[in-house]
PDB file of N, CA and C in Angstrom:
ATOM      1  N   MET A   1       0.830  -1.196   0.000  1.00  0.00           N
ATOM      2  CA  MET A   1       0.000   0.000   0.000  1.00  0.00           C
ATOM      3  C   MET A   1       0.868   1.251   0.000  1.00  0.00           C
ATOM      4  N   SER A   2       2.032   1.184   0.597  1.00  0.00           N
ATOM      5  CA  SER A   2       2.946   2.317   0.647  1.00  0.00           C
ATOM      6  C   SER A   2       3.302   2.810  -0.751  1.00  0.00           C
ATOM      7  N   ASP A   3       3.308   1.897  -1.738  1.00  0.00           N
ATOM      8  CA  ASP A   3       3.605   2.294  -3.118  1.00  0.00           C
ATOM      9  C   ASP A   3       2.594   3.303  -3.645  1.00  0.00           C
ATOM     10  N   PHE A   4       1.357   3.251  -3.124  1.00  0.00           N
ATOM     11  CA  PHE A   4       0.317   4.177  -3.556  1.00  0.00           C
ATOM     12  C   PHE A   4       0.243   5.403  -2.654  1.00  0.00           C
ATOM     13  N   ILE A   5       0.440   5.202  -1.361  1.00  0.00           N
ATOM     14  CA  ILE A   5       0.251   6.277  -0.398  1.00  0.00           C
ATOM     15  C   ILE A   5       1.426   7.254  -0.379  1.00  0.00           C
ATOM     16  N   ASP A   6       2.658   6.755  -0.424  1.00  0.00           N
ATOM     17  CA  ASP A   6       3.812   7.643  -0.329  1.00  0.00           C
ATOM     18  C   ASP A   6       3.833   8.727  -1.402  1.00  0.00           C
ATOM     19  N   PRO A   7       3.566   8.414  -2.662  1.00  0.00           N
ATOM     20  CA  PRO A   7       3.525   9.496  -3.660  1.00  0.00           C
ATOM     21  C   PRO A   7       2.422  10.521  -3.375  1.00  0.00           C
ATOM     22  N   LEU A   8       1.279  10.057  -2.881  1.00  0.00           N
ATOM     23  CA  LEU A   8       0.201  10.985  -2.548  1.00  0.00           C
ATOM     24  C   LEU A   8       0.566  11.834  -1.339  1.00  0.00           C
ATOM     25  N   LEU A   9       1.261  11.247  -0.374  1.00  0.00           N
ATOM     26  CA  LEU A   9       1.741  12.027   0.765  1.00  0.00           C
ATOM     27  C   LEU A   9       2.700  13.118   0.299  1.00  0.00           C
ATOM     28  N   ARG A  10       3.584  12.777  -0.618  1.00  0.00           N
ATOM     29  CA  ARG A  10       4.512  13.778  -1.161  1.00  0.00           C
ATOM     30  C   ARG A  10       3.750  14.884  -1.894  1.00  0.00           C
ATOM     31  N   ASP A  11       2.711  14.504  -2.642  1.00  0.00           N
ATOM     32  CA  ASP A  11       1.882  15.509  -3.322  1.00  0.00           C
ATOM     33  C   ASP A  11       1.237  16.454  -2.306  1.00  0.00           C
ATOM     34  N   LEU A  12       0.684  15.891  -1.231  1.00  0.00           N
ATOM     35  CA  LEU A  12       0.047  16.704  -0.192  1.00  0.00           C
ATOM     36  C   LEU A  12       1.054  17.667   0.428  1.00  0.00           C
ATOM     37  N   LEU A  13       2.207  17.159   0.823  1.00  0.00           N
ATOM     38  CA  LEU A  13       3.209  17.993   1.480  1.00  0.00           C
ATOM     39  C   LEU A  13       3.723  19.089   0.545  1.00  0.00           C
ATOM     40  N   ALA A  14       3.939  18.752  -0.717  1.00  0.00           N
ATOM     41  CA  ALA A  14       4.386  19.752  -1.688  1.00  0.00           C
ATOM     42  C   ALA A  14       3.299  20.803  -1.910  1.00  0.00           C
ATOM     43  N   TRP A  15       2.048  20.374  -1.946  1.00  0.00           N
ATOM     44  CA  TRP A  15       0.931  21.301  -2.146  1.00  0.00           C
ATOM     45  C   TRP A  15       0.808  22.255  -0.966  1.00  0.00           C
ATOM     46  N   ILE A  16       0.974  21.751   0.243  1.00  0.00           N
ATOM     47  CA  ILE A  16       0.930  22.615   1.427  1.00  0.00           C
ATOM     48  C   ILE A  16       2.062  23.631   1.356  1.00  0.00           C
ATOM     49  N   GLY A  17       3.237  23.176   0.935  1.00  0.00           N
ATOM     50  CA  GLY A  17       4.371  24.065   0.703  1.00  0.00           C
ATOM     51  C   GLY A  17       4.967  24.646   1.966  1.00  0.00           C
ATOM     52  N   PRO A  18       5.998  25.447   1.793  1.00  0.00           N
ATOM     53  CA  PRO A  18       6.717  26.007   2.940  1.00  0.00           C
ATOM     54  C   PRO A  18       5.929  27.064   3.716  1.00  0.00           C
ATOM     55  N   GLU A  19       4.953  27.678   3.081  1.00  0.00           N
ATOM     56  CA  GLU A  19       4.170  28.730   3.751  1.00  0.00           C
ATOM     57  C   GLU A  19       2.965  28.170   4.497  1.00  0.00           C
ATOM     58  N   GLY A  20       2.596  26.925   4.202  1.00  0.00           N
ATOM     59  CA  GLY A  20       1.408  26.347   4.824  1.00  0.00           C
ATOM     60  C   GLY A  20       0.147  26.734   4.075  1.00  0.00           C
ATOM     61  N   ARG A  21      -0.913  26.104   4.443  1.00  0.00           N
ATOM     62  CA  ARG A  21      -2.236  26.384   3.860  1.00  0.00           C
ATOM     63  C   ARG A  21      -3.243  26.421   5.000  1.00  0.00           C
ATOM     64  N   SER A  22      -4.354  27.078   4.762  1.00  0.00           N
ATOM     65  CA  SER A  22      -5.390  27.090   5.799  1.00  0.00           C
ATOM     66  C   SER A  22      -5.970  25.680   5.926  1.00  0.00           C
ATOM     67  N   TYR A  23      -6.374  25.370   7.137  1.00  0.00           N
ATOM     68  CA  TYR A  23      -6.973  24.065   7.403  1.00  0.00           C
ATOM     69  C   TYR A  23      -8.196  23.857   6.507  1.00  0.00           C
ATOM     70  N   ALA A  24      -8.988  24.895   6.324  1.00  0.00           N
ATOM     71  CA  ALA A  24     -10.183  24.794   5.473  1.00  0.00           C
ATOM     72  C   ALA A  24      -9.804  24.422   4.043  1.00  0.00           C
ATOM     73  N   ASP A  25      -8.754  25.047   3.505  1.00  0.00           N
ATOM     74  CA  ASP A  25      -8.313  24.717   2.141  1.00  0.00           C
ATOM     75  C   ASP A  25      -7.826  23.274   2.051  1.00  0.00           C
ATOM     76  N   VAL A  26      -7.070  22.842   3.059  1.00  0.00           N
ATOM     77  CA  VAL A  26      -6.563  21.463   3.056  1.00  0.00           C
ATOM     78  C   VAL A  26      -7.717  20.477   3.091  1.00  0.00           C
ATOM     79  N   MET A  27      -8.703  20.733   3.928  1.00  0.00           N
ATOM     80  CA  MET A  27      -9.838  19.815   4.028  1.00  0.00           C
ATOM     81  C   MET A  27     -10.654  19.806   2.739  1.00  0.00           C
ATOM     82  N   ASP A  28     -10.818  20.955   2.111  1.00  0.00           N
ATOM     83  CA  ASP A  28     -11.541  21.013   0.833  1.00  0.00           C
ATOM     84  C   ASP A  28     -10.847  20.177  -0.233  1.00  0.00           C
ATOM     85  N   ALA A  29      -9.524  20.234  -0.249  1.00  0.00           N
ATOM     86  CA  ALA A  29      -8.771  19.567  -1.309  1.00  0.00           C
ATOM     87  C   ALA A  29      -8.416  18.112  -0.999  1.00  0.00           C
ATOM     88  N   TRP A  30      -8.188  17.765   0.272  1.00  0.00           N
ATOM     89  CA  TRP A  30      -7.588  16.468   0.584  1.00  0.00           C
ATOM     90  C   TRP A  30      -8.424  15.535   1.448  1.00  0.00           C
ATOM     91  N   ARG A  31      -9.512  15.995   2.011  1.00  0.00           N
ATOM     92  CA  ARG A  31     -10.320  15.100   2.840  1.00  0.00           C
ATOM     93  C   ARG A  31     -10.969  14.054   1.940  1.00  0.00           C
ATOM     94  N   THR A  32     -11.000  12.837   2.413  1.00  0.00           N
ATOM     95  CA  THR A  32     -11.616  11.758   1.645  1.00  0.00           C
ATOM     96  C   THR A  32     -12.341  10.818   2.588  1.00  0.00           C
ATOM     97  N   SER A  33     -13.358  10.189   2.092  1.00  0.00           N
ATOM     98  CA  SER A  33     -14.057   9.186   2.897  1.00  0.00           C
ATOM     99  C   SER A  33     -13.627   7.786   2.482  1.00  0.00           C
ATOM    100  N   CYS A  34     -12.636   7.708   1.595  1.00  0.00           N
ATOM    101  CA  CYS A  34     -12.156   6.409   1.135  1.00  0.00           C
ATOM    102  C   CYS A  34     -11.224   5.806   2.179  1.00  0.00           C
ATOM    103  N   PRO A  35     -11.594   4.673   2.773  1.00  0.00           N
ATOM    104  CA  PRO A  35     -10.744   4.084   3.810  1.00  0.00           C
ATOM    105  C   PRO A  35      -9.417   3.552   3.279  1.00  0.00           C
ATOM    106  N   ARG A  36      -9.296   3.411   1.982  1.00  0.00           N
ATOM    107  CA  ARG A  36      -8.047   2.898   1.415  1.00  0.00           C
ATOM    108  C   ARG A  36      -7.031   3.993   1.126  1.00  0.00           C
ATOM    109  N   LEU A  37      -7.465   5.239   1.072  1.00  0.00           N
ATOM    110  CA  LEU A  37      -6.548   6.342   0.776  1.00  0.00           C
ATOM    111  C   LEU A  37      -6.711   7.473   1.794  1.00  0.00           C
ATOM    112  N   PRO A  38      -6.426   7.209   3.031  1.00  0.00           N
ATOM    113  CA  PRO A  38      -6.574   8.242   4.069  1.00  0.00           C
ATOM    114  C   PRO A  38      -5.330   9.125   4.155  1.00  0.00           C
ATOM    115  N   ILE A  39      -5.050   9.869   3.109  1.00  0.00           N
ATOM    116  CA  ILE A  39      -3.792  10.611   3.004  1.00  0.00           C
ATOM    117  C   ILE A  39      -3.649  11.620   4.143  1.00  0.00           C
ATOM    118  N   TRP A  40      -4.682  12.394   4.420  1.00  0.00           N
ATOM    119  CA  TRP A  40      -4.632  13.373   5.490  1.00  0.00           C
ATOM    120  C   TRP A  40      -4.351  12.684   6.829  1.00  0.00           C
ATOM    121  N   GLU A  41      -5.040  11.586   7.104  1.00  0.00           N
ATOM    122  CA  GLU A  41      -4.848  10.869   8.352  1.00  0.00           C
ATOM    123  C   GLU A  41      -3.437  10.287   8.447  1.00  0.00           C
ATOM    124  N   ASP A  42      -2.939   9.731   7.350  1.00  0.00           N
ATOM    125  CA  ASP A  42      -1.579   9.187   7.338  1.00  0.00           C
ATOM    126  C   ASP A  42      -0.546  10.282   7.599  1.00  0.00           C
ATOM    127  N   ALA A  43      -0.736  11.436   6.990  1.00  0.00           N
ATOM    128  CA  ALA A  43       0.204  12.541   7.194  1.00  0.00           C
ATOM    129  C   ALA A  43       0.235  12.960   8.667  1.00  0.00           C
ATOM    130  N   ASN A  44      -0.924  12.981   9.300  1.00  0.00           N
ATOM    131  CA  ASN A  44      -0.990  13.310  10.723  1.00  0.00           C
ATOM    132  C   ASN A  44      -0.341  12.231  11.579  1.00  0.00           C
ATOM    133  N   GLU A  45      -0.669  10.986  11.316  1.00  0.00           N
ATOM    134  CA  GLU A  45      -0.134   9.875  12.111  1.00  0.00           C
ATOM    135  C   GLU A  45       1.385   9.784  12.009  1.00  0.00           C
ATOM    136  N   ARG A  46       1.931  10.093  10.861  1.00  0.00           N
ATOM    137  CA  ARG A  46       3.391  10.027  10.671  1.00  0.00           C
ATOM    138  C   ARG A  46       4.100  11.287  11.176  1.00  0.00           C
ATOM    139  N   GLY A  47       3.332  12.270  11.612  1.00  0.00           N
ATOM    140  CA  GLY A  47       3.930  13.501  12.121  1.00  0.00           C
ATOM    141  C   GLY A  47       4.451  14.420  11.036  1.00  0.00           C
ATOM    142  N   PHE A  48       3.900  14.315   9.834  1.00  0.00           N
ATOM    143  CA  PHE A  48       4.355  15.116   8.699  1.00  0.00           C
ATOM    144  C   PHE A  48       3.733  16.505   8.664  1.00  0.00           C
ATOM    145  N   VAL A  49       2.599  16.681   9.344  1.00  0.00           N
ATOM    146  CA  VAL A  49       1.914  17.972   9.349  1.00  0.00           C
ATOM    147  C   VAL A  49       1.514  18.323  10.776  1.00  0.00           C
ATOM    148  N   THR A  50       1.312  19.604  10.989  1.00  0.00           N
ATOM    149  CA  THR A  50       0.832  20.106  12.266  1.00  0.00           C
ATOM    150  C   THR A  50      -0.140  21.241  12.001  1.00  0.00           C
ATOM    151  N   ARG A  51      -1.012  21.478  12.960  1.00  0.00           N
ATOM    152  CA  ARG A  51      -1.948  22.602  12.844  1.00  0.00           C
ATOM    153  C   ARG A  51      -1.572  23.657  13.866  1.00  0.00           C
ATOM    154  N   GLU A  52      -1.576  24.907  13.435  1.00  0.00           N
ATOM    155  CA  GLU A  52      -1.303  26.036  14.312  1.00  0.00           C
ATOM    156  C   GLU A  52      -2.278  27.152  13.980  1.00  0.00           C
ATOM    157  N   ARG A  53      -2.613  27.927  14.987  1.00  0.00           N
ATOM    158  CA  ARG A  53      -3.448  29.110  14.757  1.00  0.00           C
ATOM    159  C   ARG A  53      -2.519  30.292  14.535  1.00  0.00           C
ATOM    160  N   ILE A  54      -2.618  30.892  13.354  1.00  0.00           N
ATOM    161  CA  ILE A  54      -1.786  32.035  12.992  1.00  0.00           C
ATOM    162  C   ILE A  54      -2.705  33.191  12.603  1.00  0.00           C
ATOM    163  N   GLU A  55      -2.612  34.261  13.343  1.00  0.00           N
ATOM    164  CA  GLU A  55      -3.441  35.444  13.100  1.00  0.00           C
ATOM    165  C   GLU A  55      -4.919  35.083  12.975  1.00  0.00           C
ATOM    166  N   GLY A  56      -5.371  34.206  13.865  1.00  0.00           N
ATOM    167  CA  GLY A  56      -6.778  33.837  13.920  1.00  0.00           C
ATOM    168  C   GLY A  56      -7.225  32.786  12.922  1.00  0.00           C
ATOM    169  N   THR A  57      -6.298  32.287  12.114  1.00  0.00           N
ATOM    170  CA  THR A  57      -6.641  31.276  11.111  1.00  0.00           C
ATOM    171  C   THR A  57      -5.960  29.966  11.453  1.00  0.00           C
ATOM    172  N   SER A  58      -6.704  28.889  11.397  1.00  0.00           N
ATOM    173  CA  SER A  58      -6.126  27.564  11.611  1.00  0.00           C
ATOM    174  C   SER A  58      -5.343  27.172  10.364  1.00  0.00           C
ATOM    175  N   MET A  59      -4.038  26.988  10.541  1.00  0.00           N
ATOM    176  CA  MET A  59      -3.142  26.705   9.419  1.00  0.00           C
ATOM    177  C   MET A  59      -2.564  25.305   9.551  1.00  0.00           C
ATOM    178  N   VAL A  60      -2.271  24.693   8.412  1.00  0.00           N
ATOM    179  CA  VAL A  60      -1.581  23.406   8.354  1.00  0.00           C
ATOM    180  C   VAL A  60      -0.180  23.675   7.846  1.00  0.00           C
ATOM    181  N   LEU A  61       0.812  23.181   8.594  1.00  0.00           N
ATOM    182  CA  LEU A  61       2.213  23.383   8.239  1.00  0.00           C
ATOM    183  C   LEU A  61       2.908  22.034   8.129  1.00  0.00           C
ATOM    184  N   VAL A  62       3.896  21.955   7.264  1.00  0.00           N
ATOM    185  CA  VAL A  62       4.693  20.742   7.117  1.00  0.00           C
ATOM    186  C   VAL A  62       5.763  20.751   8.212  1.00  0.00           C
ATOM    187  N   THR A  63       5.887  19.649   8.930  1.00  0.00           N
ATOM    188  CA  THR A  63       6.866  19.532  10.006  1.00  0.00           C
ATOM    189  C   THR A  63       8.247  19.189   9.441  1.00  0.00           C
ATOM    190  N   ARG A  64       9.235  19.179  10.318  1.00  0.00           N
ATOM    191  CA  ARG A  64      10.593  18.779   9.922  1.00  0.00           C
ATOM    192  C   ARG A  64      10.572  17.353   9.364  1.00  0.00           C
ATOM    193  N   GLN A  65       9.819  16.457  10.008  1.00  0.00           N
ATOM    194  CA  GLN A  65       9.715  15.080   9.500  1.00  0.00           C
ATOM    195  C   GLN A  65       9.075  15.059   8.115  1.00  0.00           C
ATOM    196  N   GLY A  66       8.077  15.908   7.918  1.00  0.00           N
ATOM    197  CA  GLY A  66       7.425  15.992   6.617  1.00  0.00           C
ATOM    198  C   GLY A  66       8.357  16.502   5.535  1.00  0.00           C
ATOM    199  N   ARG A  67       9.154  17.509   5.872  1.00  0.00           N
ATOM    200  CA  ARG A  67      10.111  18.043   4.893  1.00  0.00           C
ATOM    201  C   ARG A  67      11.165  16.994   4.551  1.00  0.00           C
ATOM    202  N   SER A  68      11.613  16.244   5.544  1.00  0.00           N
ATOM    203  CA  SER A  68      12.593  15.172   5.289  1.00  0.00           C
ATOM    204  C   SER A  68      11.999  14.108   4.377  1.00  0.00           C
ATOM    205  N   PHE A  69      10.757  13.724   4.648  1.00  0.00           N
ATOM    206  CA  PHE A  69      10.078  12.723   3.814  1.00  0.00           C
ATOM    207  C   PHE A  69       9.912  13.238   2.392  1.00  0.00           C
ATOM    208  N   LEU A  70       9.602  14.518   2.254  1.00  0.00           N
ATOM    209  CA  LEU A  70       9.366  15.105   0.939  1.00  0.00           C
ATOM    210  C   LEU A  70      10.611  15.056   0.058  1.00  0.00           C
ATOM    211  N   VAL A  71      11.772  15.268   0.611  1.00  0.00           N
ATOM    212  CA  VAL A  71      12.999  15.286  -0.199  1.00  0.00           C
ATOM    213  C   VAL A  71      13.664  13.911  -0.296  1.00  0.00           C
ATOM    214  N   GLN A  72      13.177  12.959   0.456  1.00  0.00           N
ATOM    215  CA  GLN A  72      13.721  11.595   0.411  1.00  0.00           C
ATOM    216  C   GLN A  72      13.550  11.007  -0.983  1.00  0.00           C
ATOM    217  N   ASP A  73      14.534  10.296  -1.465  1.00  0.00           N
ATOM    218  CA  ASP A  73      14.501   9.629  -2.781  1.00  0.00           C
ATOM    219  C   ASP A  73      14.456  10.591  -3.958  1.00  0.00           C
ATOM    220  N   GLN A  74      14.960  11.795  -3.787  1.00  0.00           N
ATOM    221  CA  GLN A  74      14.976  12.726  -4.925  1.00  0.00           C
ATOM    222  C   GLN A  74      16.344  12.791  -5.510  1.00  0.00           C
TER     223      GLN A  74
END
């Protein structure tokens, strides 16, 4: 399953980017009800993303572990 999930995790992390994205935008784009592709949940469980409140907005940021995973195998 990692063969399918890891590329999608990299897509998610790259899409969030170094500046982060609002939690609402991330949920609009990446939330899924498919139990086989829980990309958002996997990113959280692996510690690749974190949520922070910045200037009153809930933001999603890529963690150090997420950045390391993103550049792995490049």
